[in-house]
Amino acid sequence: MAKDQDKARFDTRLSKEQKEFFEKAANLGGYRSLTDFVVLTVQEKAEEIIAEKERIISTEKDNEVFFEALMNPPKPSKYLISAKNEYNKLISE
């Protein structure tokens, strides 16, 4: 279990209607308390947002690498040249 010094406090003010609404959702959702409901719900949403942003960043990096390879392809290696020559021999026979 985490030590108290490993924890941080988060305070917020809610309207009475918001608090009642959130408490109702917590009760209907089977959460032990409003705090558990808020913490777990915010945790899930944070993970979702971060995962989506990381997917976007990865996709952008993949696109950059892909288009860089298309626009500035590397020179063929000796193995690729050899394979091409062997292929050309096979299809010319």
N, C-alpha and C. Protein backbone atom coordinates (compact mmCIF):
# COMPACT_ATOMS: atom_id res chain seq x y z
N MET A 1 0.84 -1.18 0.00
CA MET A 1 0.00 0.00 0.00
C MET A 1 0.88 1.25 0.00
N ALA A 2 0.45 2.31 -0.70
CA ALA A 2 1.24 3.53 -0.82
C ALA A 2 1.30 4.27 0.51
N LYS A 3 2.45 4.85 0.76
CA LYS A 3 2.61 5.66 1.96
C LYS A 3 1.88 6.98 1.76
N ASP A 4 1.49 7.62 2.86
CA ASP A 4 0.80 8.90 2.76
C ASP A 4 1.64 9.94 2.03
N GLN A 5 2.96 9.87 2.19
CA GLN A 5 3.81 10.85 1.53
C GLN A 5 3.87 10.64 0.02
N ASP A 6 3.42 9.49 -0.45
CA ASP A 6 3.37 9.21 -1.89
C ASP A 6 2.07 9.70 -2.52
N LYS A 7 1.19 10.25 -1.72
CA LYS A 7 -0.10 10.69 -2.21
C LYS A 7 -0.16 12.21 -2.31
N ALA A 8 -1.03 12.69 -3.16
CA ALA A 8 -1.26 14.12 -3.32
C ALA A 8 -2.75 14.38 -3.19
N ARG A 9 -3.09 15.57 -2.80
CA ARG A 9 -4.49 15.92 -2.60
C ARG A 9 -4.98 16.72 -3.79
N PHE A 10 -6.22 16.49 -4.16
CA PHE A 10 -6.87 17.23 -5.25
C PHE A 10 -8.22 17.70 -4.73
N ASP A 11 -8.40 18.99 -4.65
CA ASP A 11 -9.66 19.56 -4.17
C ASP A 11 -10.35 20.29 -5.31
N THR A 12 -11.66 20.22 -5.28
CA THR A 12 -12.45 20.96 -6.27
C THR A 12 -13.79 21.34 -5.66
N ARG A 13 -14.39 22.33 -6.22
CA ARG A 13 -15.72 22.75 -5.78
C ARG A 13 -16.73 22.37 -6.86
N LEU A 14 -17.84 21.80 -6.42
CA LEU A 14 -18.92 21.41 -7.32
C LEU A 14 -20.18 22.14 -6.91
N SER A 15 -21.04 22.33 -7.88
CA SER A 15 -22.36 22.82 -7.52
C SER A 15 -23.09 21.69 -6.80
N LYS A 16 -24.09 22.02 -6.05
CA LYS A 16 -24.87 21.01 -5.33
C LYS A 16 -25.46 20.01 -6.32
N GLU A 17 -25.93 20.51 -7.48
CA GLU A 17 -26.52 19.65 -8.49
C GLU A 17 -25.49 18.68 -9.07
N GLN A 18 -24.28 19.18 -9.32
CA GLN A 18 -23.23 18.31 -9.85
C GLN A 18 -22.90 17.21 -8.84
N LYS A 19 -22.75 17.59 -7.58
CA LYS A 19 -22.41 16.61 -6.56
C LYS A 19 -23.49 15.53 -6.46
N GLU A 20 -24.74 15.93 -6.45
CA GLU A 20 -25.84 14.96 -6.38
C GLU A 20 -25.85 14.06 -7.62
N PHE A 21 -25.63 14.65 -8.75
CA PHE A 21 -25.61 13.91 -10.01
C PHE A 21 -24.47 12.88 -10.01
N PHE A 22 -23.28 13.30 -9.60
CA PHE A 22 -22.13 12.40 -9.55
C PHE A 22 -22.33 11.32 -8.50
N GLU A 23 -22.91 11.66 -7.37
CA GLU A 23 -23.19 10.67 -6.34
C GLU A 23 -24.18 9.62 -6.83
N LYS A 24 -25.17 10.06 -7.58
CA LYS A 24 -26.14 9.12 -8.14
C LYS A 24 -25.43 8.15 -9.09
N ALA A 25 -24.58 8.69 -9.95
CA ALA A 25 -23.84 7.84 -10.89
C ALA A 25 -22.94 6.87 -10.14
N ALA A 26 -22.28 7.35 -9.09
CA ALA A 26 -21.40 6.49 -8.30
C ALA A 26 -22.19 5.35 -7.66
N ASN A 27 -23.34 5.68 -7.11
CA ASN A 27 -24.18 4.65 -6.48
C ASN A 27 -24.68 3.65 -7.51
N LEU A 28 -25.17 4.14 -8.63
CA LEU A 28 -25.68 3.25 -9.68
C LEU A 28 -24.56 2.40 -10.29
N GLY A 29 -23.35 2.95 -10.31
CA GLY A 29 -22.22 2.23 -10.88
C GLY A 29 -21.58 1.25 -9.91
N GLY A 30 -22.03 1.25 -8.67
CA GLY A 30 -21.49 0.32 -7.69
C GLY A 30 -20.17 0.73 -7.08
N TYR A 31 -19.84 2.00 -7.17
CA TYR A 31 -18.60 2.47 -6.57
C TYR A 31 -18.79 2.63 -5.06
N ARG A 32 -17.69 2.46 -4.32
CA ARG A 32 -17.76 2.56 -2.85
C ARG A 32 -18.05 3.98 -2.38
N SER A 33 -17.58 4.95 -3.13
CA SER A 33 -17.75 6.35 -2.71
C SER A 33 -17.69 7.26 -3.92
N LEU A 34 -18.06 8.50 -3.70
CA LEU A 34 -17.96 9.50 -4.76
C LEU A 34 -16.49 9.68 -5.14
N THR A 35 -15.62 9.66 -4.16
CA THR A 35 -14.18 9.81 -4.44
C THR A 35 -13.69 8.68 -5.34
N ASP A 36 -14.05 7.44 -5.02
CA ASP A 36 -13.64 6.31 -5.88
C ASP A 36 -14.17 6.49 -7.29
N PHE A 37 -15.42 6.89 -7.40
CA PHE A 37 -16.02 7.10 -8.72
C PHE A 37 -15.24 8.16 -9.51
N VAL A 38 -14.99 9.29 -8.87
CA VAL A 38 -14.30 10.38 -9.57
C VAL A 38 -12.88 9.97 -9.95
N VAL A 39 -12.14 9.40 -9.02
CA VAL A 39 -10.75 9.04 -9.29
C VAL A 39 -10.67 7.98 -10.39
N LEU A 40 -11.48 6.93 -10.29
CA LEU A 40 -11.41 5.87 -11.30
C LEU A 40 -11.90 6.34 -12.66
N THR A 41 -12.94 7.16 -12.69
CA THR A 41 -13.46 7.67 -13.96
C THR A 41 -12.46 8.61 -14.63
N VAL A 42 -11.87 9.48 -13.84
CA VAL A 42 -10.87 10.40 -14.38
C VAL A 42 -9.64 9.63 -14.84
N GLN A 43 -9.24 8.61 -14.10
CA GLN A 43 -8.10 7.78 -14.48
C GLN A 43 -8.34 7.13 -15.84
N GLU A 44 -9.52 6.54 -16.02
CA GLU A 44 -9.85 5.89 -17.30
C GLU A 44 -9.84 6.89 -18.44
N LYS A 45 -10.42 8.06 -18.23
CA LYS A 45 -10.47 9.08 -19.28
C LYS A 45 -9.07 9.58 -19.60
N ALA A 46 -8.24 9.78 -18.57
CA ALA A 46 -6.86 10.23 -18.80
C ALA A 46 -6.08 9.22 -19.62
N GLU A 47 -6.23 7.93 -19.28
CA GLU A 47 -5.55 6.88 -20.04
C GLU A 47 -6.00 6.87 -21.50
N GLU A 48 -7.29 7.06 -21.71
CA GLU A 48 -7.84 7.08 -23.07
C GLU A 48 -7.27 8.25 -23.87
N ILE A 49 -7.23 9.44 -23.26
CA ILE A 49 -6.71 10.63 -23.94
C ILE A 49 -5.24 10.47 -24.27
N ILE A 50 -4.46 9.98 -23.29
CA ILE A 50 -3.02 9.82 -23.51
C ILE A 50 -2.76 8.77 -24.58
N ALA A 51 -3.46 7.65 -24.54
CA ALA A 51 -3.27 6.60 -25.55
C ALA A 51 -3.59 7.13 -26.95
N GLU A 52 -4.68 7.87 -27.07
CA GLU A 52 -5.06 8.43 -28.37
C GLU A 52 -4.00 9.41 -28.87
N LYS A 53 -3.51 10.27 -28.00
CA LYS A 53 -2.49 11.25 -28.39
C LYS A 53 -1.21 10.53 -28.81
N GLU A 54 -0.84 9.48 -28.06
CA GLU A 54 0.36 8.72 -28.41
C GLU A 54 0.20 8.02 -29.75
N ARG A 55 -1.02 7.53 -30.05
CA ARG A 55 -1.27 6.92 -31.37
C ARG A 55 -1.11 7.96 -32.47
N ILE A 56 -1.61 9.15 -32.24
CA ILE A 56 -1.50 10.22 -33.23
C ILE A 56 -0.04 10.57 -33.46
N ILE A 57 0.71 10.72 -32.38
CA ILE A 57 2.12 11.06 -32.49
C ILE A 57 2.87 9.96 -33.24
N SER A 58 2.59 8.69 -32.90
CA SER A 58 3.24 7.57 -33.59
C SER A 58 2.89 7.57 -35.07
N THR A 59 1.62 7.83 -35.39
CA THR A 59 1.19 7.87 -36.78
C THR A 59 1.89 8.98 -37.53
N GLU A 60 2.02 10.14 -36.90
CA GLU A 60 2.71 11.26 -37.55
C GLU A 60 4.18 10.93 -37.80
N LYS A 61 4.82 10.29 -36.83
CA LYS A 61 6.23 9.90 -37.00
C LYS A 61 6.36 8.86 -38.10
N ASP A 62 5.44 7.88 -38.11
CA ASP A 62 5.45 6.86 -39.16
C ASP A 62 5.30 7.50 -40.53
N ASN A 63 4.40 8.46 -40.64
CA ASN A 63 4.21 9.16 -41.91
C ASN A 63 5.48 9.89 -42.34
N GLU A 64 6.13 10.55 -41.38
CA GLU A 64 7.36 11.26 -41.72
C GLU A 64 8.43 10.30 -42.23
N VAL A 65 8.60 9.17 -41.54
CA VAL A 65 9.60 8.18 -41.94
C VAL A 65 9.25 7.62 -43.32
N PHE A 66 7.98 7.29 -43.54
CA PHE A 66 7.54 6.73 -44.81
C PHE A 66 7.80 7.70 -45.97
N PHE A 67 7.35 8.94 -45.81
CA PHE A 67 7.50 9.90 -46.90
C PHE A 67 8.96 10.31 -47.10
N GLU A 68 9.75 10.31 -46.04
CA GLU A 68 11.18 10.58 -46.19
C GLU A 68 11.82 9.47 -47.02
N ALA A 69 11.44 8.22 -46.76
CA ALA A 69 11.98 7.09 -47.53
C ALA A 69 11.54 7.15 -48.99
N LEU A 70 10.32 7.61 -49.23
CA LEU A 70 9.85 7.75 -50.62
C LEU A 70 10.58 8.86 -51.35
N MET A 71 10.76 9.97 -50.67
CA MET A 71 11.35 11.14 -51.33
C MET A 71 12.88 11.04 -51.42
N ASN A 72 13.49 10.35 -50.48
CA ASN A 72 14.95 10.22 -50.46
C ASN A 72 15.32 8.76 -50.19
N PRO A 73 15.05 7.89 -51.16
CA PRO A 73 15.31 6.47 -50.92
C PRO A 73 16.81 6.21 -50.77
N PRO A 74 17.15 5.22 -49.94
CA PRO A 74 18.58 4.88 -49.80
C PRO A 74 19.07 4.18 -51.06
N LYS A 75 20.38 4.21 -51.26
CA LYS A 75 20.97 3.51 -52.40
C LYS A 75 20.83 2.01 -52.16
N PRO A 76 20.61 1.24 -53.23
CA PRO A 76 20.46 -0.22 -53.05
C PRO A 76 21.76 -0.84 -52.55
N SER A 77 21.62 -1.81 -51.66
CA SER A 77 22.79 -2.51 -51.13
C SER A 77 23.31 -3.50 -52.17
N LYS A 78 24.51 -4.03 -51.93
CA LYS A 78 25.08 -5.01 -52.86
C LYS A 78 24.20 -6.26 -52.92
N TYR A 79 23.54 -6.59 -51.81
CA TYR A 79 22.65 -7.76 -51.78
C TYR A 79 21.40 -7.53 -52.64
N LEU A 80 20.88 -6.34 -52.59
CA LEU A 80 19.71 -6.01 -53.41
C LEU A 80 20.08 -6.00 -54.89
N ILE A 81 21.23 -5.46 -55.19
CA ILE A 81 21.69 -5.44 -56.59
C ILE A 81 21.90 -6.86 -57.09
N SER A 82 22.49 -7.70 -56.25
CA SER A 82 22.71 -9.11 -56.61
C SER A 82 21.39 -9.82 -56.84
N ALA A 83 20.42 -9.59 -55.95
CA ALA A 83 19.11 -10.22 -56.09
C ALA A 83 18.43 -9.76 -57.38
N LYS A 84 18.57 -8.48 -57.72
CA LYS A 84 17.97 -7.96 -58.95
C LYS A 84 18.61 -8.62 -60.17
N ASN A 85 19.92 -8.75 -60.14
CA ASN A 85 20.62 -9.38 -61.27
C ASN A 85 20.20 -10.83 -61.43
N GLU A 86 20.06 -11.55 -60.31
CA GLU A 86 19.62 -12.95 -60.37
C GLU A 86 18.19 -13.03 -60.91
N TYR A 87 17.34 -12.14 -60.49
CA TYR A 87 15.95 -12.12 -60.96
C TYR A 87 15.92 -11.86 -62.46
N ASN A 88 16.71 -10.88 -62.89
CA ASN A 88 16.75 -10.56 -64.32
C ASN A 88 17.20 -11.76 -65.16
N LYS A 89 18.16 -12.52 -64.62
CA LYS A 89 18.63 -13.73 -65.33
C LYS A 89 17.51 -14.74 -65.44
N LEU A 90 16.75 -14.93 -64.34
CA LEU A 90 15.67 -15.90 -64.33
C LEU A 90 14.58 -15.56 -65.33
N ILE A 91 14.20 -14.31 -65.39
CA ILE A 91 13.08 -13.96 -66.29
C ILE A 91 13.51 -13.83 -67.73
N SER A 92 14.82 -13.71 -68.00
CA SER A 92 15.29 -13.59 -69.39
C SER A 92 15.53 -14.96 -70.03
N GLU A 93 15.50 -16.01 -69.21
CA GLU A 93 15.76 -17.35 -69.76
C GLU A 93 14.56 -17.92 -70.45
